[in-house]
Amino acid sequence: MGEDGAGACSAAAQEHLPAAWQDAEVSCTDEGLVWKARVSVDVPVFFPGFDAGWRVDGAAGAAKEGEEG
C-alpha cells in the first residue's frame, strides 16, 4: 500500500466527506487496536455567508486490519 497508517486513515476520512466538506480539518491517531479519525468543519459550510463562529466536530474509529496493535 505504501502509506503509513495515519496517512491511510486521513485519506479514507477525506474520501468519505461530501464535496462541500473538503476544507475540513482531519487528524488521525493510533489508539492501540484502532485508528481514530477526528474531523472539524466551520459552520459556514452549512450556512454560506453566515459566520456563527463555531465548528462542528466528529470522530470515528476503525479497527486495524492486518497489523499488530
N, C-alpha and C. Protein backbone atom coordinates (compact mmCIF):
# COMPACT_ATOMS: atom_id res chain seq x y z
N MET A 1 0.83 -1.18 0.00
CA MET A 1 0.00 0.00 0.00
C MET A 1 0.88 1.25 0.00
N GLY A 2 2.01 1.25 0.69
CA GLY A 2 2.95 2.34 0.63
C GLY A 2 2.63 3.53 1.52
N GLU A 3 1.49 3.52 2.21
CA GLU A 3 1.14 4.63 3.09
C GLU A 3 1.28 4.19 4.53
N ASP A 4 1.67 5.14 5.39
CA ASP A 4 1.65 4.82 6.80
C ASP A 4 0.20 4.80 7.27
N GLY A 5 -0.04 4.29 8.47
CA GLY A 5 -1.40 4.17 8.97
C GLY A 5 -2.13 5.49 9.09
N ALA A 6 -1.46 6.53 9.60
CA ALA A 6 -2.09 7.83 9.76
C ALA A 6 -2.46 8.43 8.40
N GLY A 7 -1.59 8.26 7.41
CA GLY A 7 -1.88 8.76 6.07
C GLY A 7 -3.06 8.05 5.44
N ALA A 8 -3.13 6.74 5.62
CA ALA A 8 -4.24 5.96 5.08
C ALA A 8 -5.55 6.35 5.78
N CYS A 9 -5.48 6.56 7.08
CA CYS A 9 -6.66 6.97 7.85
C CYS A 9 -7.17 8.32 7.37
N SER A 10 -6.27 9.27 7.22
CA SER A 10 -6.64 10.62 6.77
C SER A 10 -7.23 10.59 5.37
N ALA A 11 -6.61 9.82 4.48
CA ALA A 11 -7.11 9.70 3.10
C ALA A 11 -8.51 9.09 3.08
N ALA A 12 -8.74 8.08 3.92
CA ALA A 12 -10.06 7.44 3.98
C ALA A 12 -11.11 8.41 4.51
N ALA A 13 -10.73 9.20 5.52
CA ALA A 13 -11.68 10.18 6.08
C ALA A 13 -12.07 11.21 5.01
N GLN A 14 -11.09 11.75 4.29
CA GLN A 14 -11.36 12.73 3.24
C GLN A 14 -12.22 12.12 2.14
N GLU A 15 -11.96 10.87 1.81
CA GLU A 15 -12.71 10.20 0.74
C GLU A 15 -14.20 10.11 1.06
N HIS A 16 -14.52 9.99 2.34
CA HIS A 16 -15.92 9.81 2.73
C HIS A 16 -16.62 11.12 3.12
N LEU A 17 -15.94 12.25 2.96
CA LEU A 17 -16.57 13.55 3.23
C LEU A 17 -17.25 14.08 1.97
N PRO A 18 -18.40 14.74 2.12
CA PRO A 18 -19.03 15.36 0.96
C PRO A 18 -18.12 16.43 0.35
N ALA A 19 -18.33 16.77 -0.90
CA ALA A 19 -17.50 17.75 -1.60
C ALA A 19 -17.44 19.09 -0.85
N ALA A 20 -18.53 19.54 -0.26
CA ALA A 20 -18.57 20.81 0.46
C ALA A 20 -17.72 20.80 1.72
N TRP A 21 -17.33 19.62 2.20
CA TRP A 21 -16.57 19.50 3.44
C TRP A 21 -15.07 19.29 3.20
N GLN A 22 -14.60 19.37 1.98
CA GLN A 22 -13.21 19.04 1.69
C GLN A 22 -12.20 19.97 2.37
N ASP A 23 -12.63 21.13 2.86
CA ASP A 23 -11.73 22.01 3.61
C ASP A 23 -11.70 21.68 5.09
N ALA A 24 -12.38 20.62 5.49
CA ALA A 24 -12.41 20.23 6.90
C ALA A 24 -11.02 19.82 7.37
N GLU A 25 -10.76 20.02 8.66
CA GLU A 25 -9.52 19.56 9.26
C GLU A 25 -9.70 18.10 9.65
N VAL A 26 -8.77 17.26 9.22
CA VAL A 26 -8.83 15.83 9.54
C VAL A 26 -7.53 15.46 10.24
N SER A 27 -7.65 14.78 11.39
CA SER A 27 -6.46 14.27 12.06
C SER A 27 -6.73 12.82 12.46
N CYS A 28 -5.68 12.03 12.42
CA CYS A 28 -5.80 10.61 12.77
C CYS A 28 -4.74 10.25 13.80
N THR A 29 -5.14 9.45 14.78
CA THR A 29 -4.19 9.00 15.80
C THR A 29 -4.30 7.49 15.98
N ASP A 30 -3.17 6.91 16.34
CA ASP A 30 -3.08 5.48 16.63
C ASP A 30 -3.49 5.30 18.09
N GLU A 31 -4.59 4.59 18.31
CA GLU A 31 -5.07 4.39 19.67
C GLU A 31 -5.10 2.90 20.02
N GLY A 32 -3.96 2.25 19.82
CA GLY A 32 -3.85 0.84 20.17
C GLY A 32 -4.36 -0.06 19.07
N LEU A 33 -5.56 -0.59 19.24
CA LEU A 33 -6.13 -1.53 18.27
C LEU A 33 -6.95 -0.84 17.19
N VAL A 34 -7.10 0.49 17.28
CA VAL A 34 -7.88 1.23 16.29
C VAL A 34 -7.15 2.49 15.85
N TRP A 35 -7.50 2.95 14.65
CA TRP A 35 -7.11 4.29 14.19
C TRP A 35 -8.31 5.18 14.44
N LYS A 36 -8.11 6.32 15.07
CA LYS A 36 -9.20 7.24 15.37
C LYS A 36 -9.06 8.48 14.52
N ALA A 37 -10.12 8.79 13.76
CA ALA A 37 -10.14 9.99 12.91
C ALA A 37 -11.02 11.04 13.59
N ARG A 38 -10.53 12.28 13.59
CA ARG A 38 -11.29 13.41 14.10
C ARG A 38 -11.43 14.43 12.97
N VAL A 39 -12.64 14.92 12.78
CA VAL A 39 -12.93 15.87 11.70
C VAL A 39 -13.58 17.10 12.31
N SER A 40 -13.09 18.29 11.92
CA SER A 40 -13.69 19.56 12.36
C SER A 40 -13.96 20.41 11.12
N VAL A 41 -15.15 21.03 11.09
CA VAL A 41 -15.53 21.87 9.96
C VAL A 41 -16.24 23.11 10.48
N ASP A 42 -15.96 24.26 9.87
CA ASP A 42 -16.61 25.51 10.26
C ASP A 42 -18.07 25.52 9.82
N VAL A 43 -18.93 26.16 10.59
CA VAL A 43 -20.35 26.22 10.31
C VAL A 43 -20.69 26.84 8.95
N PRO A 44 -19.97 27.84 8.43
CA PRO A 44 -20.36 28.39 7.13
C PRO A 44 -20.49 27.36 6.02
N VAL A 45 -19.91 26.17 6.18
CA VAL A 45 -20.11 25.10 5.21
C VAL A 45 -21.60 24.77 5.13
N PHE A 46 -22.28 24.84 6.27
CA PHE A 46 -23.69 24.51 6.33
C PHE A 46 -24.58 25.71 5.97
N PHE A 47 -24.13 26.91 6.32
CA PHE A 47 -24.90 28.14 6.10
C PHE A 47 -24.02 29.17 5.42
N PRO A 48 -23.82 29.09 4.11
CA PRO A 48 -22.92 30.01 3.41
C PRO A 48 -23.26 31.48 3.69
N GLY A 49 -22.22 32.27 3.92
CA GLY A 49 -22.39 33.70 4.16
C GLY A 49 -22.75 34.05 5.59
N PHE A 50 -22.94 33.06 6.43
CA PHE A 50 -23.30 33.29 7.83
C PHE A 50 -22.19 32.74 8.70
N ASP A 51 -21.54 33.60 9.48
CA ASP A 51 -20.45 33.16 10.36
C ASP A 51 -20.93 33.12 11.80
N ALA A 52 -21.29 31.95 12.26
CA ALA A 52 -21.76 31.78 13.62
C ALA A 52 -20.60 31.71 14.61
N GLY A 53 -19.39 31.50 14.10
CA GLY A 53 -18.21 31.43 14.95
C GLY A 53 -18.06 30.12 15.70
N TRP A 54 -18.66 29.05 15.21
CA TRP A 54 -18.47 27.76 15.85
C TRP A 54 -18.20 26.68 14.83
N ARG A 55 -17.73 25.57 15.32
CA ARG A 55 -17.34 24.44 14.48
C ARG A 55 -18.15 23.20 14.84
N VAL A 56 -18.25 22.31 13.89
CA VAL A 56 -18.85 21.00 14.12
C VAL A 56 -17.71 19.99 14.13
N ASP A 57 -17.68 19.16 15.16
CA ASP A 57 -16.62 18.16 15.31
C ASP A 57 -17.23 16.77 15.30
N GLY A 58 -16.50 15.85 14.72
CA GLY A 58 -16.93 14.45 14.70
C GLY A 58 -15.73 13.54 14.87
N ALA A 59 -15.97 12.33 15.32
CA ALA A 59 -14.89 11.37 15.49
C ALA A 59 -15.40 9.98 15.15
N ALA A 60 -14.50 9.16 14.64
CA ALA A 60 -14.84 7.76 14.32
C ALA A 60 -13.58 6.93 14.43
N GLY A 61 -13.74 5.66 14.67
CA GLY A 61 -12.60 4.77 14.77
C GLY A 61 -12.78 3.57 13.86
N ALA A 62 -11.66 3.01 13.45
CA ALA A 62 -11.68 1.80 12.62
C ALA A 62 -10.63 0.83 13.16
N ALA A 63 -11.03 -0.42 13.29
CA ALA A 63 -10.11 -1.44 13.78
C ALA A 63 -8.97 -1.62 12.80
N LYS A 64 -7.78 -1.84 13.34
CA LYS A 64 -6.62 -2.12 12.48
C LYS A 64 -6.79 -3.51 11.89
N GLU A 65 -6.52 -3.64 10.63
CA GLU A 65 -6.60 -4.93 9.96
C GLU A 65 -5.24 -5.27 9.41
N GLY A 66 -4.78 -6.45 9.67
CA GLY A 66 -3.50 -6.89 9.14
C GLY A 66 -2.32 -6.25 9.83
N GLU A 67 -2.53 -5.64 10.98
CA GLU A 67 -1.45 -5.04 11.76
C GLU A 67 -1.49 -5.62 13.16
N GLU A 68 -0.35 -5.61 13.79
CA GLU A 68 -0.32 -5.96 15.21
C GLU A 68 -0.44 -4.67 15.98
N GLY A 69 -1.41 -4.55 16.90
CA GLY A 69 -1.64 -3.33 17.66
C GLY A 69 -0.89 -3.35 18.91
